[in-house]
Amino acid sequence: SICFNVPAPVVDGNVIRVFARCLAWPDNFK
């Protein structure tokens, strides 16, 4: 995505925290 503008979403610890809270998803993201 950063180098070649490919629309591929990243999922790391920061991304998980943002959207686990936004969506209130109780999943185990590990």
mmCIF file of all heavy atoms, coordinates in Angstrom:
data_MODEL
# 
_entry.id   MODEL 
# 
loop_
_atom_site.group_PDB 
_atom_site.id 
_atom_site.type_symbol 
_atom_site.label_atom_id 
_atom_site.label_alt_id 
_atom_site.label_comp_id 
_atom_site.label_asym_id 
_atom_site.label_entity_id 
_atom_site.label_seq_id 
_atom_site.pdbx_PDB_ins_code 
_atom_site.Cartn_x 
_atom_site.Cartn_y 
_atom_site.Cartn_z 
_atom_site.occupancy 
_atom_site.B_iso_or_equiv 
_atom_site.pdbx_formal_charge 
_atom_site.auth_seq_id 
_atom_site.auth_comp_id 
_atom_site.auth_asym_id 
_atom_site.auth_atom_id 
_atom_site.pdbx_PDB_model_num 
ATOM 1   N N   . SER A 1 1  ? 0.821   -1.215  0.000  1.00 0.00 ? 1  SER A N   1 
ATOM 2   C CA  . SER A 1 1  ? 0.000   0.000   0.000  1.00 0.00 ? 1  SER A CA  1 
ATOM 3   C C   . SER A 1 1  ? 0.856   1.266   0.000  1.00 0.00 ? 1  SER A C   1 
ATOM 4   O O   . SER A 1 1  ? 0.580   2.210   -0.746 1.00 0.00 ? 1  SER A O   1 
ATOM 5   C CB  . SER A 1 1  ? -0.935  -0.005  1.212  1.00 0.00 ? 1  SER A CB  1 
ATOM 6   O OG  . SER A 1 1  ? -0.205  0.025   2.435  1.00 0.00 ? 1  SER A OG  1 
ATOM 7   N N   . ILE A 1 2  ? 1.908   1.282   0.801  1.00 0.00 ? 2  ILE A N   1 
ATOM 8   C CA  . ILE A 1 2  ? 2.734   2.487   0.922  1.00 0.00 ? 2  ILE A CA  1 
ATOM 9   C C   . ILE A 1 2  ? 3.567   2.716   -0.332 1.00 0.00 ? 2  ILE A C   1 
ATOM 10  O O   . ILE A 1 2  ? 3.699   3.844   -0.824 1.00 0.00 ? 2  ILE A O   1 
ATOM 11  C CB  . ILE A 1 2  ? 3.638   2.390   2.157  1.00 0.00 ? 2  ILE A CB  1 
ATOM 12  C CG1 . ILE A 1 2  ? 2.798   2.402   3.443  1.00 0.00 ? 2  ILE A CG1 1 
ATOM 13  C CG2 . ILE A 1 2  ? 4.651   3.532   2.185  1.00 0.00 ? 2  ILE A CG2 1 
ATOM 14  C CD1 . ILE A 1 2  ? 3.584   2.061   4.697  1.00 0.00 ? 2  ILE A CD1 1 
ATOM 15  N N   . CYS A 1 3  ? 4.130   1.645   -0.877 1.00 0.00 ? 3  CYS A N   1 
ATOM 16  C CA  . CYS A 1 3  ? 5.070   1.786   -2.002 1.00 0.00 ? 3  CYS A CA  1 
ATOM 17  C C   . CYS A 1 3  ? 4.398   1.695   -3.371 1.00 0.00 ? 3  CYS A C   1 
ATOM 18  O O   . CYS A 1 3  ? 4.849   2.345   -4.320 1.00 0.00 ? 3  CYS A O   1 
ATOM 19  C CB  . CYS A 1 3  ? 6.159   0.714   -1.915 1.00 0.00 ? 3  CYS A CB  1 
ATOM 20  S SG  . CYS A 1 3  ? 7.149   0.801   -0.421 1.00 0.00 ? 3  CYS A SG  1 
ATOM 21  N N   . PHE A 1 4  ? 3.330   0.895   -3.462 1.00 0.00 ? 4  PHE A N   1 
ATOM 22  C CA  . PHE A 1 4  ? 2.765   0.605   -4.784 1.00 0.00 ? 4  PHE A CA  1 
ATOM 23  C C   . PHE A 1 4  ? 1.270   0.936   -4.878 1.00 0.00 ? 4  PHE A C   1 
ATOM 24  O O   . PHE A 1 4  ? 0.621   0.565   -5.843 1.00 0.00 ? 4  PHE A O   1 
ATOM 25  C CB  . PHE A 1 4  ? 3.022   -0.861  -5.130 1.00 0.00 ? 4  PHE A CB  1 
ATOM 26  C CG  . PHE A 1 4  ? 4.472   -1.265  -4.992 1.00 0.00 ? 4  PHE A CG  1 
ATOM 27  C CD1 . PHE A 1 4  ? 4.864   -2.201  -4.054 1.00 0.00 ? 4  PHE A CD1 1 
ATOM 28  C CD2 . PHE A 1 4  ? 5.451   -0.681  -5.789 1.00 0.00 ? 4  PHE A CD2 1 
ATOM 29  C CE1 . PHE A 1 4  ? 6.197   -2.576  -3.912 1.00 0.00 ? 4  PHE A CE1 1 
ATOM 30  C CE2 . PHE A 1 4  ? 6.789   -1.036  -5.654 1.00 0.00 ? 4  PHE A CE2 1 
ATOM 31  C CZ  . PHE A 1 4  ? 7.164   -1.987  -4.716 1.00 0.00 ? 4  PHE A CZ  1 
ATOM 32  N N   . ASN A 1 5  ? 0.739   1.632   -3.872 1.00 0.00 ? 5  ASN A N   1 
ATOM 33  C CA  . ASN A 1 5  ? -0.648  2.113   -3.897 1.00 0.00 ? 5  ASN A CA  1 
ATOM 34  C C   . ASN A 1 5  ? -1.675  0.996   -4.037 1.00 0.00 ? 5  ASN A C   1 
ATOM 35  O O   . ASN A 1 5  ? -2.745  1.181   -4.610 1.00 0.00 ? 5  ASN A O   1 
ATOM 36  C CB  . ASN A 1 5  ? -0.842  3.137   -5.027 1.00 0.00 ? 5  ASN A CB  1 
ATOM 37  C CG  . ASN A 1 5  ? -1.849  4.204   -4.652 1.00 0.00 ? 5  ASN A CG  1 
ATOM 38  O OD1 . ASN A 1 5  ? -1.876  4.666   -3.507 1.00 0.00 ? 5  ASN A OD1 1 
ATOM 39  N ND2 . ASN A 1 5  ? -2.674  4.607   -5.596 1.00 0.00 ? 5  ASN A ND2 1 
ATOM 40  N N   . VAL A 1 6  ? -1.354  -0.174  -3.507 1.00 0.00 ? 6  VAL A N   1 
ATOM 41  C CA  . VAL A 1 6  ? -2.272  -1.310  -3.555 1.00 0.00 ? 6  VAL A CA  1 
ATOM 42  C C   . VAL A 1 6  ? -3.252  -1.191  -2.383 1.00 0.00 ? 6  VAL A C   1 
ATOM 43  O O   . VAL A 1 6  ? -2.830  -0.993  -1.237 1.00 0.00 ? 6  VAL A O   1 
ATOM 44  C CB  . VAL A 1 6  ? -1.494  -2.644  -3.466 1.00 0.00 ? 6  VAL A CB  1 
ATOM 45  C CG1 . VAL A 1 6  ? -2.465  -3.825  -3.424 1.00 0.00 ? 6  VAL A CG1 1 
ATOM 46  C CG2 . VAL A 1 6  ? -0.543  -2.771  -4.647 1.00 0.00 ? 6  VAL A CG2 1 
ATOM 47  N N   . PRO A 1 7  ? -4.563  -1.330  -2.622 1.00 0.00 ? 7  PRO A N   1 
ATOM 48  C CA  . PRO A 1 7  ? -5.544  -1.194  -1.536 1.00 0.00 ? 7  PRO A CA  1 
ATOM 49  C C   . PRO A 1 7  ? -5.613  -2.439  -0.658 1.00 0.00 ? 7  PRO A C   1 
ATOM 50  O O   . PRO A 1 7  ? -6.594  -3.172  -0.659 1.00 0.00 ? 7  PRO A O   1 
ATOM 51  C CB  . PRO A 1 7  ? -6.859  -0.951  -2.281 1.00 0.00 ? 7  PRO A CB  1 
ATOM 52  C CG  . PRO A 1 7  ? -6.687  -1.643  -3.581 1.00 0.00 ? 7  PRO A CG  1 
ATOM 53  C CD  . PRO A 1 7  ? -5.222  -1.494  -3.933 1.00 0.00 ? 7  PRO A CD  1 
ATOM 54  N N   . ALA A 1 8  ? -4.564  -2.657  0.122  1.00 0.00 ? 8  ALA A N   1 
ATOM 55  C CA  . ALA A 1 8  ? -4.487  -3.813  1.020  1.00 0.00 ? 8  ALA A CA  1 
ATOM 56  C C   . ALA A 1 8  ? -4.471  -3.295  2.447  1.00 0.00 ? 8  ALA A C   1 
ATOM 57  O O   . ALA A 1 8  ? -3.528  -2.599  2.850  1.00 0.00 ? 8  ALA A O   1 
ATOM 58  C CB  . ALA A 1 8  ? -3.226  -4.617  0.725  1.00 0.00 ? 8  ALA A CB  1 
ATOM 59  N N   . PRO A 1 9  ? -5.488  -3.595  3.249  1.00 0.00 ? 9  PRO A N   1 
ATOM 60  C CA  . PRO A 1 9  ? -5.541  -3.067  4.624  1.00 0.00 ? 9  PRO A CA  1 
ATOM 61  C C   . PRO A 1 9  ? -4.559  -3.754  5.546  1.00 0.00 ? 9  PRO A C   1 
ATOM 62  O O   . PRO A 1 9  ? -4.350  -4.970  5.470  1.00 0.00 ? 9  PRO A O   1 
ATOM 63  C CB  . PRO A 1 9  ? -6.983  -3.336  5.050  1.00 0.00 ? 9  PRO A CB  1 
ATOM 64  C CG  . PRO A 1 9  ? -7.411  -4.501  4.236  1.00 0.00 ? 9  PRO A CG  1 
ATOM 65  C CD  . PRO A 1 9  ? -6.676  -4.390  2.924  1.00 0.00 ? 9  PRO A CD  1 
ATOM 66  N N   . VAL A 1 10 ? -3.942  -2.994  6.428  1.00 0.00 ? 10 VAL A N   1 
ATOM 67  C CA  . VAL A 1 10 ? -3.047  -3.564  7.426  1.00 0.00 ? 10 VAL A CA  1 
ATOM 68  C C   . VAL A 1 10 ? -3.826  -3.796  8.720  1.00 0.00 ? 10 VAL A C   1 
ATOM 69  O O   . VAL A 1 10 ? -4.751  -3.056  9.044  1.00 0.00 ? 10 VAL A O   1 
ATOM 70  C CB  . VAL A 1 10 ? -1.829  -2.662  7.713  1.00 0.00 ? 10 VAL A CB  1 
ATOM 71  C CG1 . VAL A 1 10 ? -1.013  -2.413  6.457  1.00 0.00 ? 10 VAL A CG1 1 
ATOM 72  C CG2 . VAL A 1 10 ? -2.257  -1.350  8.337  1.00 0.00 ? 10 VAL A CG2 1 
ATOM 73  N N   . VAL A 1 11 ? -3.423  -4.817  9.446  1.00 0.00 ? 11 VAL A N   1 
ATOM 74  C CA  . VAL A 1 11 ? -4.005  -5.099  10.754 1.00 0.00 ? 11 VAL A CA  1 
ATOM 75  C C   . VAL A 1 11 ? -2.856  -5.350  11.715 1.00 0.00 ? 11 VAL A C   1 
ATOM 76  O O   . VAL A 1 11 ? -2.247  -6.414  11.702 1.00 0.00 ? 11 VAL A O   1 
ATOM 77  C CB  . VAL A 1 11 ? -4.965  -6.311  10.711 1.00 0.00 ? 11 VAL A CB  1 
ATOM 78  C CG1 . VAL A 1 11 ? -5.420  -6.674  12.125 1.00 0.00 ? 11 VAL A CG1 1 
ATOM 79  C CG2 . VAL A 1 11 ? -6.177  -5.997  9.851  1.00 0.00 ? 11 VAL A CG2 1 
ATOM 80  N N   . ASP A 1 12 ? -2.525  -4.327  12.509 1.00 0.00 ? 12 ASP A N   1 
ATOM 81  C CA  . ASP A 1 12 ? -1.519  -4.487  13.559 1.00 0.00 ? 12 ASP A CA  1 
ATOM 82  C C   . ASP A 1 12 ? -2.163  -4.119  14.893 1.00 0.00 ? 12 ASP A C   1 
ATOM 83  O O   . ASP A 1 12 ? -3.384  -3.896  14.974 1.00 0.00 ? 12 ASP A O   1 
ATOM 84  C CB  . ASP A 1 12 ? -0.277  -3.645  13.274 1.00 0.00 ? 12 ASP A CB  1 
ATOM 85  C CG  . ASP A 1 12 ? -0.491  -2.157  13.522 1.00 0.00 ? 12 ASP A CG  1 
ATOM 86  O OD1 . ASP A 1 12 ? -1.668  -1.713  13.579 1.00 0.00 ? 12 ASP A OD1 1 
ATOM 87  O OD2 . ASP A 1 12 ? 0.499   -1.420  13.675 1.00 0.00 ? 12 ASP A OD2 1 
ATOM 88  N N   . GLY A 1 13 ? -1.375  -4.036  15.946 1.00 0.00 ? 13 GLY A N   1 
ATOM 89  C CA  . GLY A 1 13 ? -1.924  -3.762  17.262 1.00 0.00 ? 13 GLY A CA  1 
ATOM 90  C C   . GLY A 1 13 ? -2.654  -2.436  17.343 1.00 0.00 ? 13 GLY A C   1 
ATOM 91  O O   . GLY A 1 13 ? -3.709  -2.328  17.984 1.00 0.00 ? 13 GLY A O   1 
ATOM 92  N N   . ASN A 1 14 ? -2.113  -1.405  16.691 1.00 0.00 ? 14 ASN A N   1 
ATOM 93  C CA  . ASN A 1 14 ? -2.764  -0.100  16.718 1.00 0.00 ? 14 ASN A CA  1 
ATOM 94  C C   . ASN A 1 14 ? -4.089  -0.119  15.971 1.00 0.00 ? 14 ASN A C   1 
ATOM 95  O O   . ASN A 1 14 ? -5.090  0.434   16.430 1.00 0.00 ? 14 ASN A O   1 
ATOM 96  C CB  . ASN A 1 14 ? -1.836  0.957   16.101 1.00 0.00 ? 14 ASN A CB  1 
ATOM 97  C CG  . ASN A 1 14 ? -0.689  1.321   17.019 1.00 0.00 ? 14 ASN A CG  1 
ATOM 98  O OD1 . ASN A 1 14 ? -0.857  1.468   18.216 1.00 0.00 ? 14 ASN A OD1 1 
ATOM 99  N ND2 . ASN A 1 14 ? 0.508   1.448   16.444 1.00 0.00 ? 14 ASN A ND2 1 
ATOM 100 N N   . VAL A 1 15 ? -4.103  -0.733  14.809 1.00 0.00 ? 15 VAL A N   1 
ATOM 101 C CA  . VAL A 1 15 ? -5.327  -0.813  14.002 1.00 0.00 ? 15 VAL A CA  1 
ATOM 102 C C   . VAL A 1 15 ? -6.397  -1.612  14.748 1.00 0.00 ? 15 VAL A C   1 
ATOM 103 O O   . VAL A 1 15 ? -7.576  -1.230  14.785 1.00 0.00 ? 15 VAL A O   1 
ATOM 104 C CB  . VAL A 1 15 ? -5.025  -1.445  12.631 1.00 0.00 ? 15 VAL A CB  1 
ATOM 105 C CG1 . VAL A 1 15 ? -6.311  -1.642  11.824 1.00 0.00 ? 15 VAL A CG1 1 
ATOM 106 C CG2 . VAL A 1 15 ? -4.040  -0.586  11.850 1.00 0.00 ? 15 VAL A CG2 1 
ATOM 107 N N   . ILE A 1 16 ? -5.985  -2.708  15.342 1.00 0.00 ? 16 ILE A N   1 
ATOM 108 C CA  . ILE A 1 16 ? -6.925  -3.525  16.117 1.00 0.00 ? 16 ILE A CA  1 
ATOM 109 C C   . ILE A 1 16 ? -7.547  -2.718  17.246 1.00 0.00 ? 16 ILE A C   1 
ATOM 110 O O   . ILE A 1 16 ? -8.764  -2.752  17.458 1.00 0.00 ? 16 ILE A O   1 
ATOM 111 C CB  . ILE A 1 16 ? -6.206  -4.770  16.676 1.00 0.00 ? 16 ILE A CB  1 
ATOM 112 C CG1 . ILE A 1 16 ? -5.930  -5.771  15.554 1.00 0.00 ? 16 ILE A CG1 1 
ATOM 113 C CG2 . ILE A 1 16 ? -7.014  -5.414  17.795 1.00 0.00 ? 16 ILE A CG2 1 
ATOM 114 C CD1 . ILE A 1 16 ? -4.996  -6.890  15.947 1.00 0.00 ? 16 ILE A CD1 1 
ATOM 115 N N   . ARG A 1 17 ? -6.729  -1.955  17.968 1.00 0.00 ? 17 ARG A N   1 
ATOM 116 C CA  . ARG A 1 17 ? -7.245  -1.197  19.107 1.00 0.00 ? 17 ARG A CA  1 
ATOM 117 C C   . ARG A 1 17 ? -8.252  -0.145  18.655 1.00 0.00 ? 17 ARG A C   1 
ATOM 118 O O   . ARG A 1 17 ? -9.317  0.018   19.262 1.00 0.00 ? 17 ARG A O   1 
ATOM 119 C CB  . ARG A 1 17 ? -6.082  -0.552  19.862 1.00 0.00 ? 17 ARG A CB  1 
ATOM 120 C CG  . ARG A 1 17 ? -6.505  0.093   21.165 1.00 0.00 ? 17 ARG A CG  1 
ATOM 121 C CD  . ARG A 1 17 ? -5.315  0.392   22.037 1.00 0.00 ? 17 ARG A CD  1 
ATOM 122 N NE  . ARG A 1 17 ? -4.302  1.197   21.378 1.00 0.00 ? 17 ARG A NE  1 
ATOM 123 C CZ  . ARG A 1 17 ? -3.142  0.732   20.892 1.00 0.00 ? 17 ARG A CZ  1 
ATOM 124 N NH1 . ARG A 1 17 ? -2.832  -0.549  21.025 1.00 0.00 ? 17 ARG A NH1 1 
ATOM 125 N NH2 . ARG A 1 17 ? -2.277  1.533   20.299 1.00 0.00 ? 17 ARG A NH2 1 
ATOM 126 N N   . VAL A 1 18 ? -7.950  0.562   17.571 1.00 0.00 ? 18 VAL A N   1 
ATOM 127 C CA  . VAL A 1 18 ? -8.856  1.594   17.076 1.00 0.00 ? 18 VAL A CA  1 
ATOM 128 C C   . VAL A 1 18 ? -10.221 1.009   16.736 1.00 0.00 ? 18 VAL A C   1 
ATOM 129 O O   . VAL A 1 18 ? -11.270 1.517   17.173 1.00 0.00 ? 18 VAL A O   1 
ATOM 130 C CB  . VAL A 1 18 ? -8.250  2.304   15.844 1.00 0.00 ? 18 VAL A CB  1 
ATOM 131 C CG1 . VAL A 1 18 ? -9.302  3.176   15.153 1.00 0.00 ? 18 VAL A CG1 1 
ATOM 132 C CG2 . VAL A 1 18 ? -7.047  3.148   16.239 1.00 0.00 ? 18 VAL A CG2 1 
ATOM 133 N N   . PHE A 1 19 ? -10.224 -0.074  15.965 1.00 0.00 ? 19 PHE A N   1 
ATOM 134 C CA  . PHE A 1 19 ? -11.515 -0.554  15.467 1.00 0.00 ? 19 PHE A CA  1 
ATOM 135 C C   . PHE A 1 19 ? -12.195 -1.547  16.392 1.00 0.00 ? 19 PHE A C   1 
ATOM 136 O O   . PHE A 1 19 ? -13.415 -1.702  16.337 1.00 0.00 ? 19 PHE A O   1 
ATOM 137 C CB  . PHE A 1 19 ? -11.349 -1.095  14.048 1.00 0.00 ? 19 PHE A CB  1 
ATOM 138 C CG  . PHE A 1 19 ? -11.124 0.001   13.059 1.00 0.00 ? 19 PHE A CG  1 
ATOM 139 C CD1 . PHE A 1 19 ? -9.879  0.209   12.498 1.00 0.00 ? 19 PHE A CD1 1 
ATOM 140 C CD2 . PHE A 1 19 ? -12.152 0.882   12.751 1.00 0.00 ? 19 PHE A CD2 1 
ATOM 141 C CE1 . PHE A 1 19 ? -9.669  1.254   11.620 1.00 0.00 ? 19 PHE A CE1 1 
ATOM 142 C CE2 . PHE A 1 19 ? -11.952 1.937   11.876 1.00 0.00 ? 19 PHE A CE2 1 
ATOM 143 C CZ  . PHE A 1 19 ? -10.710 2.131   11.306 1.00 0.00 ? 19 PHE A CZ  1 
ATOM 144 N N   . ALA A 1 20 ? -11.443 -2.215  17.263 1.00 0.00 ? 20 ALA A N   1 
ATOM 145 C CA  . ALA A 1 20 ? -12.111 -3.000  18.301 1.00 0.00 ? 20 ALA A CA  1 
ATOM 146 C C   . ALA A 1 20 ? -12.951 -2.071  19.168 1.00 0.00 ? 20 ALA A C   1 
ATOM 147 O O   . ALA A 1 20 ? -14.061 -2.427  19.598 1.00 0.00 ? 20 ALA A O   1 
ATOM 148 C CB  . ALA A 1 20 ? -11.090 -3.747  19.146 1.00 0.00 ? 20 ALA A CB  1 
ATOM 149 N N   . ARG A 1 21 ? -12.456 -0.850  19.420 1.00 0.00 ? 21 ARG A N   1 
ATOM 150 C CA  . ARG A 1 21 ? -13.209 0.125   20.210 1.00 0.00 ? 21 ARG A CA  1 
ATOM 151 C C   . ARG A 1 21 ? -14.339 0.753   19.393 1.00 0.00 ? 21 ARG A C   1 
ATOM 152 O O   . ARG A 1 21 ? -15.473 0.868   19.871 1.00 0.00 ? 21 ARG A O   1 
ATOM 153 C CB  . ARG A 1 21 ? -12.258 1.205   20.733 1.00 0.00 ? 21 ARG A CB  1 
ATOM 154 C CG  . ARG A 1 21 ? -11.344 0.712   21.850 1.00 0.00 ? 21 ARG A CG  1 
ATOM 155 C CD  . ARG A 1 21 ? -10.268 1.731   22.196 1.00 0.00 ? 21 ARG A CD  1 
ATOM 156 N NE  . ARG A 1 21 ? -9.501  1.291   23.372 1.00 0.00 ? 21 ARG A NE  1 
ATOM 157 C CZ  . ARG A 1 21 ? -8.390  1.873   23.798 1.00 0.00 ? 21 ARG A CZ  1 
ATOM 158 N NH1 . ARG A 1 21 ? -7.899  2.927   23.138 1.00 0.00 ? 21 ARG A NH1 1 
ATOM 159 N NH2 . ARG A 1 21 ? -7.764  1.419   24.862 1.00 0.00 ? 21 ARG A NH2 1 
ATOM 160 N N   . CYS A 1 22 ? -14.020 1.166   18.165 1.00 0.00 ? 22 CYS A N   1 
ATOM 161 C CA  . CYS A 1 22 ? -15.058 1.788   17.346 1.00 0.00 ? 22 CYS A CA  1 
ATOM 162 C C   . CYS A 1 22 ? -16.248 0.854   17.136 1.00 0.00 ? 22 CYS A C   1 
ATOM 163 O O   . CYS A 1 22 ? -17.408 1.271   17.209 1.00 0.00 ? 22 CYS A O   1 
ATOM 164 C CB  . CYS A 1 22 ? -14.483 2.188   15.991 1.00 0.00 ? 22 CYS A CB  1 
ATOM 165 S SG  . CYS A 1 22 ? -13.688 3.803   15.965 1.00 0.00 ? 22 CYS A SG  1 
ATOM 166 N N   . LEU A 1 23 ? -15.950 -0.408  16.855 1.00 0.00 ? 23 LEU A N   1 
ATOM 167 C CA  . LEU A 1 23 ? -16.993 -1.375  16.524 1.00 0.00 ? 23 LEU A CA  1 
ATOM 168 C C   . LEU A 1 23 ? -17.459 -2.184  17.722 1.00 0.00 ? 23 LEU A C   1 
ATOM 169 O O   . LEU A 1 23 ? -18.432 -2.933  17.612 1.00 0.00 ? 23 LEU A O   1 
ATOM 170 C CB  . LEU A 1 23 ? -16.476 -2.320  15.435 1.00 0.00 ? 23 LEU A CB  1 
ATOM 171 C CG  . LEU A 1 23 ? -16.011 -1.629  14.143 1.00 0.00 ? 23 LEU A CG  1 
ATOM 172 C CD1 . LEU A 1 23 ? -15.267 -2.618  13.245 1.00 0.00 ? 23 LEU A CD1 1 
ATOM 173 C CD2 . LEU A 1 23 ? -17.189 -1.016  13.397 1.00 0.00 ? 23 LEU A CD2 1 
ATOM 174 N N   . ALA A 1 24 ? -16.736 -2.062  18.846 1.00 0.00 ? 24 ALA A N   1 
ATOM 175 C CA  . ALA A 1 24 ? -17.042 -2.840  20.060 1.00 0.00 ? 24 ALA A CA  1 
ATOM 176 C C   . ALA A 1 24 ? -17.069 -4.335  19.757 1.00 0.00 ? 24 ALA A C   1 
ATOM 177 O O   . ALA A 1 24 ? -17.959 -5.061  20.197 1.00 0.00 ? 24 ALA A O   1 
ATOM 178 C CB  . ALA A 1 24 ? -18.360 -2.380  20.679 1.00 0.00 ? 24 ALA A CB  1 
ATOM 179 N N   . TRP A 1 25 ? -16.059 -4.774  19.025 1.00 0.00 ? 25 TRP A N   1 
ATOM 180 C CA  . TRP A 1 25 ? -15.947 -6.201  18.711 1.00 0.00 ? 25 TRP A CA  1 
ATOM 181 C C   . TRP A 1 25 ? -15.209 -6.906  19.845 1.00 0.00 ? 25 TRP A C   1 
ATOM 182 O O   . TRP A 1 25 ? -14.087 -6.518  20.193 1.00 0.00 ? 25 TRP A O   1 
ATOM 183 C CB  . TRP A 1 25 ? -15.184 -6.400  17.410 1.00 0.00 ? 25 TRP A CB  1 
ATOM 184 C CG  . TRP A 1 25 ? -16.017 -6.142  16.186 1.00 0.00 ? 25 TRP A CG  1 
ATOM 185 C CD1 . TRP A 1 25 ? -17.327 -5.777  16.142 1.00 0.00 ? 25 TRP A CD1 1 
ATOM 186 C CD2 . TRP A 1 25 ? -15.574 -6.235  14.822 1.00 0.00 ? 25 TRP A CD2 1 
ATOM 187 N NE1 . TRP A 1 25 ? -17.734 -5.624  14.844 1.00 0.00 ? 25 TRP A NE1 1 
ATOM 188 C CE2 . TRP A 1 25 ? -16.688 -5.904  14.011 1.00 0.00 ? 25 TRP A CE2 1 
ATOM 189 C CE3 . TRP A 1 25 ? -14.365 -6.546  14.222 1.00 0.00 ? 25 TRP A CE3 1 
ATOM 190 C CZ2 . TRP A 1 25 ? -16.616 -5.889  12.616 1.00 0.00 ? 25 TRP A CZ2 1 
ATOM 191 C CZ3 . TRP A 1 25 ? -14.283 -6.534  12.837 1.00 0.00 ? 25 TRP A CZ3 1 
ATOM 192 C CH2 . TRP A 1 25 ? -15.403 -6.219  12.045 1.00 0.00 ? 25 TRP A CH2 1 
ATOM 193 N N   . PRO A 1 26 ? -15.777 -7.977  20.395 1.00 0.00 ? 26 PRO A N   1 
ATOM 194 C CA  . PRO A 1 26 ? -15.145 -8.668  21.525 1.00 0.00 ? 26 PRO A CA  1 
ATOM 195 C C   . PRO A 1 26 ? -14.205 -9.800  21.108 1.00 0.00 ? 26 PRO A C   1 
ATOM 196 O O   . PRO A 1 26 ? -13.848 -10.637 21.925 1.00 0.00 ? 26 PRO A O   1 
ATOM 197 C CB  . PRO A 1 26 ? -16.354 -9.227  22.275 1.00 0.00 ? 26 PRO A CB  1 
ATOM 198 C CG  . PRO A 1 26 ? -17.336 -9.536  21.187 1.00 0.00 ? 26 PRO A CG  1 
ATOM 199 C CD  . PRO A 1 26 ? -17.143 -8.472  20.141 1.00 0.00 ? 26 PRO A CD  1 
ATOM 200 N N   . ASP A 1 27 ? -13.804 -9.819  19.840 1.00 0.00 ? 27 ASP A N   1 
ATOM 201 C CA  . ASP A 1 27 ? -13.003 -10.926 19.309 1.00 0.00 ? 27 ASP A CA  1 
ATOM 202 C C   . ASP A 1 27 ? -11.614 -10.970 19.936 1.00 0.00 ? 27 ASP A C   1 
ATOM 203 O O   . ASP A 1 27 ? -11.075 -9.955  20.378 1.00 0.00 ? 27 ASP A O   1 
ATOM 204 C CB  . ASP A 1 27 ? -12.848 -10.792 17.794 1.00 0.00 ? 27 ASP A CB  1 
ATOM 205 C CG  . ASP A 1 27 ? -14.180 -10.687 17.075 1.00 0.00 ? 27 ASP A CG  1 
ATOM 206 O OD1 . ASP A 1 27 ? -14.900 -9.706  17.334 1.00 0.00 ? 27 ASP A OD1 1 
ATOM 207 O OD2 . ASP A 1 27 ? -14.493 -11.564 16.269 1.00 0.00 ? 27 ASP A OD2 1 
ATOM 208 N N   . ASN A 1 28 ? -11.032 -12.161 19.922 1.00 0.00 ? 28 ASN A N   1 
ATOM 209 C CA  . ASN A 1 28 ? -9.630  -12.338 20.297 1.00 0.00 ? 28 ASN A CA  1 
ATOM 210 C C   . ASN A 1 28 ? -8.787  -12.124 19.048 1.00 0.00 ? 28 ASN A C   1 
ATOM 211 O O   . ASN A 1 28 ? -8.669  -13.022 18.211 1.00 0.00 ? 28 ASN A O   1 
ATOM 212 C CB  . ASN A 1 28 ? -9.404  -13.733 20.876 1.00 0.00 ? 28 ASN A CB  1 
ATOM 213 C CG  . ASN A 1 28 ? -7.934  -14.011 21.159 1.00 0.00 ? 28 ASN A CG  1 
ATOM 214 O OD1 . ASN A 1 28 ? -7.090  -13.122 21.087 1.00 0.00 ? 28 ASN A OD1 1 
ATOM 215 N ND2 . ASN A 1 28 ? -7.613  -15.251 21.466 1.00 0.00 ? 28 ASN A ND2 1 
ATOM 216 N N   . PHE A 1 29 ? -8.222  -10.943 18.906 1.00 0.00 ? 29 PHE A N   1 
ATOM 217 C CA  . PHE A 1 29 ? -7.527  -10.594 17.675 1.00 0.00 ? 29 PHE A CA  1 
ATOM 218 C C   . PHE A 1 29 ? -6.139  -11.217 17.565 1.00 0.00 ? 29 PHE A C   1 
ATOM 219 O O   . PHE A 1 29 ? -5.418  -10.938 16.603 1.00 0.00 ? 29 PHE A O   1 
ATOM 220 C CB  . PHE A 1 29 ? -7.460  -9.075  17.525 1.00 0.00 ? 29 PHE A CB  1 
ATOM 221 C CG  . PHE A 1 29 ? -8.771  -8.480  17.115 1.00 0.00 ? 29 PHE A CG  1 
ATOM 222 C CD1 . PHE A 1 29 ? -9.622  -7.934  18.064 1.00 0.00 ? 29 PHE A CD1 1 
ATOM 223 C CD2 . PHE A 1 29 ? -9.181  -8.505  15.800 1.00 0.00 ? 29 PHE A CD2 1 
ATOM 224 C CE1 . PHE A 1 29 ? -10.844 -7.395  17.702 1.00 0.00 ? 29 PHE A CE1 1 
ATOM 225 C CE2 . PHE A 1 29 ? -10.394 -7.970  15.415 1.00 0.00 ? 29 PHE A CE2 1 
ATOM 226 C CZ  . PHE A 1 29 ? -11.242 -7.418  16.368 1.00 0.00 ? 29 PHE A CZ  1 
ATOM 227 N N   . LYS A 1 30 ? -5.780  -12.042 18.516 1.00 0.00 ? 30 LYS A N   1 
ATOM 228 C CA  . LYS A 1 30 ? -4.546  -12.810 18.361 1.00 0.00 ? 30 LYS A CA  1 
ATOM 229 C C   . LYS A 1 30 ? -4.770  -14.019 17.459 1.00 0.00 ? 30 LYS A C   1 
ATOM 230 O O   . LYS A 1 30 ? -3.813  -14.701 17.096 1.00 0.00 ? 30 LYS A O   1 
ATOM 231 C CB  . LYS A 1 30 ? -4.025  -13.257 19.730 1.00 0.00 ? 30 LYS A CB  1 
ATOM 232 C CG  . LYS A 1 30 ? -3.530  -12.101 20.592 1.00 0.00 ? 30 LYS A CG  1 
ATOM 233 C CD  . LYS A 1 30 ? -2.876  -12.598 21.861 1.00 0.00 ? 30 LYS A CD  1 
ATOM 234 C CE  . LYS A 1 30 ? -2.376  -11.433 22.715 1.00 0.00 ? 30 LYS A CE  1 
ATOM 235 N NZ  . LYS A 1 30 ? -1.285  -10.691 22.059 1.00 0.00 ? 30 LYS A NZ  1 
# 
